[in-house]
Structures are given as structure tokens and as C-alpha cells.
Amino acid sequence: MFLQVVYDNLKSITDDLKALPPQAIPCTLRGVPQKEWSEDEITEFATLAEAELRATFLELNDQVFSTVLIVSNQGNTVPNVAYFLCLHDLPVS
């Protein structure tokens, strides 16, 4: 999603914000095919991601990490990526 902003509405970033460490890391979910997700798939994944998550960063390619997310599900540790793939009959690579 892209937004158009009038040039006169742009502001310089403040020094205190520049001093903060990066707040996001570019990554892909390992084993999840690169495709446009449907609204239902996005909602399902967002629901899974509401739990406490752990990320394992596996490798760095072109400044993007290949990542596996683990979600805690009622005391059991479940890799949510594999669960999501099974729900949607998507291939695991």
C-alpha cells in the first residue's frame, strides 16, 4: 500500500528518533511461497501471530533474513509457519 504525500507536508526526522536502533528487520518466512496472500490468509496468519512469538533468523540473502517463527500454543511450542502451510495446503520448501 502506497500513500501520496504533499511535499510541503514532509518533515525532517528528529535527532532523538535517529538515535533509536532499527525497529524492524526485513525478512521472509522460510517455507512460505512468495505470492500475494488473500485477505483470509492474512487474517489467519495475523490470528496465529497474536500469541507470543519467537523468531529464528536462518540466513541473510540480499539484506533480507530467511526466518522461522515459533508461536506458543497453550504451553506447546508450535512452528506456526508449518501449521499455516498445512492449513492452506501450501508446499514446504
C-alpha atoms as a PDB file:
ATOM      1  CA  MET A   1       0.000   0.000   0.000  1.00  0.00           C
ATOM      2  CA  PHE A   2       1.406   3.362  -1.013  1.00  0.00           C
ATOM      3  CA  LEU A   3       0.231   6.799   0.013  1.00  0.00           C
ATOM      4  CA  GLN A   4       0.840  10.060  -1.772  1.00  0.00           C
ATOM      5  CA  VAL A   5       2.063  12.877   0.444  1.00  0.00           C
ATOM      6  CA  VAL A   6       2.242  16.525  -0.487  1.00  0.00           C
ATOM      7  CA  TYR A   7       5.893  17.615  -0.450  1.00  0.00           C
ATOM      8  CA  ASP A   8       5.151  20.531   1.890  1.00  0.00           C
ATOM      9  CA  ASN A   9       3.824  18.046   4.480  1.00  0.00           C
ATOM     10  CA  LEU A  10       7.162  16.191   4.735  1.00  0.00           C
ATOM     11  CA  LYS A  11       9.179  16.837   7.868  1.00  0.00           C
ATOM     12  CA  SER A  12      12.766  16.061   8.830  1.00  0.00           C
ATOM     13  CA  ILE A  13      13.272  13.198  11.231  1.00  0.00           C
ATOM     14  CA  THR A  14      14.249  14.411  14.702  1.00  0.00           C
ATOM     15  CA  ASP A  15      17.631  13.623  16.256  1.00  0.00           C
ATOM     16  CA  ASP A  16      16.042  11.613  19.092  1.00  0.00           C
ATOM     17  CA  LEU A  17      14.362   9.327  16.534  1.00  0.00           C
ATOM     18  CA  LYS A  18      17.592   8.989  14.557  1.00  0.00           C
ATOM     19  CA  ALA A  19      19.295   7.726  17.720  1.00  0.00           C
ATOM     20  CA  LEU A  20      16.896   4.780  18.106  1.00  0.00           C
ATOM     21  CA  PRO A  21      18.050   1.330  16.943  1.00  0.00           C
ATOM     22  CA  PRO A  22      16.272  -0.200  13.929  1.00  0.00           C
ATOM     23  CA  GLN A  23      12.695  -1.124  14.794  1.00  0.00           C
ATOM     24  CA  ALA A  24      12.154  -3.685  12.022  1.00  0.00           C
ATOM     25  CA  ILE A  25      14.202  -6.284  10.193  1.00  0.00           C
ATOM     26  CA  PRO A  26      13.375  -7.165   6.568  1.00  0.00           C
ATOM     27  CA  CYS A  27      12.604 -10.886   6.450  1.00  0.00           C
ATOM     28  CA  THR A  28      10.677 -13.624   4.669  1.00  0.00           C
ATOM     29  CA  LEU A  29       9.038 -16.672   6.209  1.00  0.00           C
ATOM     30  CA  ARG A  30      11.047 -19.763   5.351  1.00  0.00           C
ATOM     31  CA  GLY A  31       8.951 -22.316   3.510  1.00  0.00           C
ATOM     32  CA  VAL A  32       6.170 -19.891   2.615  1.00  0.00           C
ATOM     33  CA  PRO A  33       5.970 -19.302  -1.143  1.00  0.00           C
ATOM     34  CA  GLN A  34       6.419 -15.716  -2.321  1.00  0.00           C
ATOM     35  CA  LYS A  35       2.923 -14.875  -3.515  1.00  0.00           C
ATOM     36  CA  GLU A  36       0.167 -12.360  -2.905  1.00  0.00           C
ATOM     37  CA  TRP A  37      -1.800 -13.547   0.147  1.00  0.00           C
ATOM     38  CA  SER A  38      -5.591 -13.435   0.189  1.00  0.00           C
ATOM     39  CA  GLU A  39      -7.383 -11.414   2.876  1.00  0.00           C
ATOM     40  CA  ASP A  40      -8.403 -14.696   4.560  1.00  0.00           C
ATOM     41  CA  GLU A  41      -4.781 -15.904   4.653  1.00  0.00           C
ATOM     42  CA  ILE A  42      -3.630 -12.578   6.098  1.00  0.00           C
ATOM     43  CA  THR A  43      -6.338 -12.718   8.773  1.00  0.00           C
ATOM     44  CA  GLU A  44      -5.483 -16.347   9.638  1.00  0.00           C
ATOM     45  CA  PHE A  45      -1.776 -15.576   9.916  1.00  0.00           C
ATOM     46  CA  ALA A  46      -2.454 -12.445  11.988  1.00  0.00           C
ATOM     47  CA  THR A  47      -4.543 -14.559  14.376  1.00  0.00           C
ATOM     48  CA  LEU A  48      -1.681 -17.040  14.759  1.00  0.00           C
ATOM     49  CA  ALA A  49       0.754 -14.187  15.316  1.00  0.00           C
ATOM     50  CA  GLU A  50      -1.247 -12.706  18.223  1.00  0.00           C
ATOM     51  CA  ALA A  51       0.455 -15.167  20.576  1.00  0.00           C
ATOM     52  CA  GLU A  52       3.961 -14.756  21.941  1.00  0.00           C
ATOM     53  CA  LEU A  53       6.356 -15.266  19.027  1.00  0.00           C
ATOM     54  CA  ARG A  54       9.995 -16.248  18.776  1.00  0.00           C
ATOM     55  CA  ALA A  55      11.926 -15.643  15.571  1.00  0.00           C
ATOM     56  CA  THR A  56      14.908 -17.650  14.371  1.00  0.00           C
ATOM     57  CA  PHE A  57      16.894 -15.903  11.660  1.00  0.00           C
ATOM     58  CA  LEU A  58      18.385 -18.594   9.444  1.00  0.00           C
ATOM     59  CA  GLU A  59      20.262 -16.837   6.664  1.00  0.00           C
ATOM     60  CA  LEU A  60      20.742 -13.444   5.079  1.00  0.00           C
ATOM     61  CA  ASN A  61      20.228 -13.030   1.316  1.00  0.00           C
ATOM     62  CA  ASP A  62      20.235  -9.605  -0.335  1.00  0.00           C
ATOM     63  CA  GLN A  63      19.787  -7.915   3.078  1.00  0.00           C
ATOM     64  CA  VAL A  64      16.622  -9.967   3.832  1.00  0.00           C
ATOM     65  CA  PHE A  65      16.602 -12.680   6.518  1.00  0.00           C
ATOM     66  CA  SER A  66      15.008 -16.077   5.947  1.00  0.00           C
ATOM     67  CA  THR A  67      13.041 -16.561   9.175  1.00  0.00           C
ATOM     68  CA  VAL A  68      11.133 -19.231  11.080  1.00  0.00           C
ATOM     69  CA  LEU A  69       8.540 -18.023  13.586  1.00  0.00           C
ATOM     70  CA  ILE A  70       7.572 -20.131  16.588  1.00  0.00           C
ATOM     71  CA  VAL A  71       4.326 -19.473  18.441  1.00  0.00           C
ATOM     72  CA  SER A  72       3.464 -20.725  21.917  1.00  0.00           C
ATOM     73  CA  ASN A  73       0.096 -22.508  21.803  1.00  0.00           C
ATOM     74  CA  GLN A  74      -1.375 -23.457  25.200  1.00  0.00           C
ATOM     75  CA  GLY A  75       2.018 -24.413  26.613  1.00  0.00           C
ATOM     76  CA  ASN A  76       3.139 -26.278  23.487  1.00  0.00           C
ATOM     77  CA  THR A  77       5.703 -24.789  21.152  1.00  0.00           C
ATOM     78  CA  VAL A  78       4.385 -24.984  17.601  1.00  0.00           C
ATOM     79  CA  PRO A  79       6.117 -23.679  14.476  1.00  0.00           C
ATOM     80  CA  ASN A  80       3.303 -21.506  13.149  1.00  0.00           C
ATOM     81  CA  VAL A  81       4.720 -21.434   9.644  1.00  0.00           C
ATOM     82  CA  ALA A  82       4.358 -25.206   9.268  1.00  0.00           C
ATOM     83  CA  TYR A  83       0.897 -25.041  10.840  1.00  0.00           C
ATOM     84  CA  PHE A  84      -0.137 -22.247   8.475  1.00  0.00           C
ATOM     85  CA  LEU A  85       1.182 -24.168   5.459  1.00  0.00           C
ATOM     86  CA  CYS A  86      -0.728 -27.284   6.464  1.00  0.00           C
ATOM     87  CA  LEU A  87      -3.938 -25.314   6.911  1.00  0.00           C
ATOM     88  CA  HIS A  88      -3.686 -23.917   3.401  1.00  0.00           C
ATOM     89  CA  ASP A  89      -2.169 -26.943   1.623  1.00  0.00           C
ATOM     90  CA  LEU A  90       0.883 -24.921   0.650  1.00  0.00           C
ATOM     91  CA  PRO A  91       4.190 -26.659  -0.149  1.00  0.00           C
ATOM     92  CA  VAL A  92       7.000 -26.633   2.388  1.00  0.00           C
ATOM     93  CA  SER A  93      10.415 -26.000   0.878  1.00  0.00           C
END
